[in-house]
C-alpha atoms as a PDB file:
ATOM      1  CA  MET A   1      17.314   5.085 -37.866  1.00  0.00           C
ATOM      2  CA  GLN A   2      15.083   2.089 -37.286  1.00  0.00           C
ATOM      3  CA  MET A   3      17.613   0.720 -34.850  1.00  0.00           C
ATOM      4  CA  GLU A   4      17.656   3.900 -32.886  1.00  0.00           C
ATOM      5  CA  TYR A   5      13.773   3.870 -32.767  1.00  0.00           C
ATOM      6  CA  ASP A   6      13.778   0.188 -31.580  1.00  0.00           C
ATOM      7  CA  SER A   7      16.386   1.050 -28.924  1.00  0.00           C
ATOM      8  CA  ILE A   8      14.360   3.976 -27.670  1.00  0.00           C
ATOM      9  CA  ARG A   9      11.069   2.015 -27.720  1.00  0.00           C
ATOM     10  CA  LYS A  10      12.565  -0.792 -25.655  1.00  0.00           C
ATOM     11  CA  GLU A  11      13.868   1.791 -23.172  1.00  0.00           C
ATOM     12  CA  GLN A  12      10.428   3.329 -23.014  1.00  0.00           C
ATOM     13  CA  ILE A  13       8.673   0.082 -22.513  1.00  0.00           C
ATOM     14  CA  LYS A  14      11.214  -0.660 -19.673  1.00  0.00           C
ATOM     15  CA  VAL A  15      10.652   2.662 -17.891  1.00  0.00           C
ATOM     16  CA  ALA A  16       6.839   2.358 -18.221  1.00  0.00           C
ATOM     17  CA  THR A  17       6.886  -1.106 -16.628  1.00  0.00           C
ATOM     18  CA  GLU A  18       9.084   0.093 -13.812  1.00  0.00           C
ATOM     19  CA  LEU A  19       6.772   2.957 -13.255  1.00  0.00           C
ATOM     20  CA  ALA A  20       3.785   0.631 -13.038  1.00  0.00           C
ATOM     21  CA  TYR A  21       5.655  -1.543 -10.622  1.00  0.00           C
ATOM     22  CA  SER A  22       6.461   1.544  -8.451  1.00  0.00           C
ATOM     23  CA  GLU A  23       2.840   2.749  -8.566  1.00  0.00           C
ATOM     24  CA  VAL A  24       1.615  -0.666  -7.461  1.00  0.00           C
ATOM     25  CA  ILE A  25       4.131  -0.808  -4.526  1.00  0.00           C
ATOM     26  CA  SER A  26       3.209   2.589  -3.529  1.00  0.00           C
ATOM     27  CA  TYR A  27      -0.519   1.847  -3.490  1.00  0.00           C
ATOM     28  CA  ASN A  28       0.021  -1.514  -1.575  1.00  0.00           C
ATOM     29  CA  LYS A  29       2.252   0.368   1.012  1.00  0.00           C
ATOM     30  CA  LYS A  30      -0.495   3.052   1.650  1.00  0.00           C
ATOM     31  CA  ASN A  31      -3.230   0.340   1.710  1.00  0.00           C
ATOM     32  CA  LEU A  32      -1.289  -1.643   4.347  1.00  0.00           C
ATOM     33  CA  GLU A  33      -0.707   1.358   6.451  1.00  0.00           C
ATOM     34  CA  ARG A  34      -4.434   2.096   6.364  1.00  0.00           C
ATOM     35  CA  GLU A  35      -5.292  -1.521   7.244  1.00  0.00           C
ATOM     36  CA  LEU A  36      -2.862  -1.558  10.096  1.00  0.00           C
ATOM     37  CA  GLN A  37      -4.291   1.799  11.488  1.00  0.00           C
ATOM     38  CA  ASN A  38      -7.810   0.305  11.163  1.00  0.00           C
ATOM     39  CA  GLU A  39      -6.787  -2.873  13.115  1.00  0.00           C
ATOM     40  CA  SER A  40      -5.056  -0.901  15.790  1.00  0.00           C
ATOM     41  CA  ARG A  41      -8.157   1.373  16.251  1.00  0.00           C
ATOM     42  CA  GLN A  42     -10.352  -1.814  16.364  1.00  0.00           C
ATOM     43  CA  TYR A  43      -8.101  -3.268  18.978  1.00  0.00           C
ATOM     44  CA  SER A  44      -8.134  -0.153  21.087  1.00  0.00           C
ATOM     45  CA  ARG A  45     -11.887  -0.045  20.935  1.00  0.00           C
ATOM     46  CA  GLN A  46     -12.142  -3.651  22.001  1.00  0.00           C
ATOM     47  CA  GLN A  47      -9.799  -2.987  24.927  1.00  0.00           C
ATOM     48  CA  SER A  48     -11.683  -0.032  26.195  1.00  0.00           C
ATOM     49  CA  ARG A  49     -14.988  -1.958  25.910  1.00  0.00           C
ATOM     50  CA  THR A  50     -13.393  -4.888  27.983  1.00  0.00           C
ATOM     51  CA  LYS A  51     -12.074  -2.368  30.461  1.00  0.00           C
ATOM     52  CA  ARG A  52     -15.467  -0.695  30.858  1.00  0.00           C
ATOM     53  CA  ARG A  53     -17.208  -4.113  31.476  1.00  0.00           C
ATOM     54  CA  GLU A  54     -14.796  -5.024  33.959  1.00  0.00           C
ATOM     55  CA  GLU A  55     -15.245  -1.633  35.814  1.00  0.00           C
ATOM     56  CA  GLU A  56     -19.167  -2.340  35.644  1.00  0.00           C
ATOM     57  CA  ILE A  57     -18.617  -5.663  37.369  1.00  0.00           C
END
């Protein structure tokens, strides 16, 4: 009985660890996508500001 418990416990730890890895990867992916969108918007704003300045001149 103890051997079965130990085996199940090891599997439980393994699954919990893999789940934690998966959650971190998912969070990092969403965060990267958010950062890239922010950079893209910032670049677009800078381009439109530059274009307006050129038009004013």
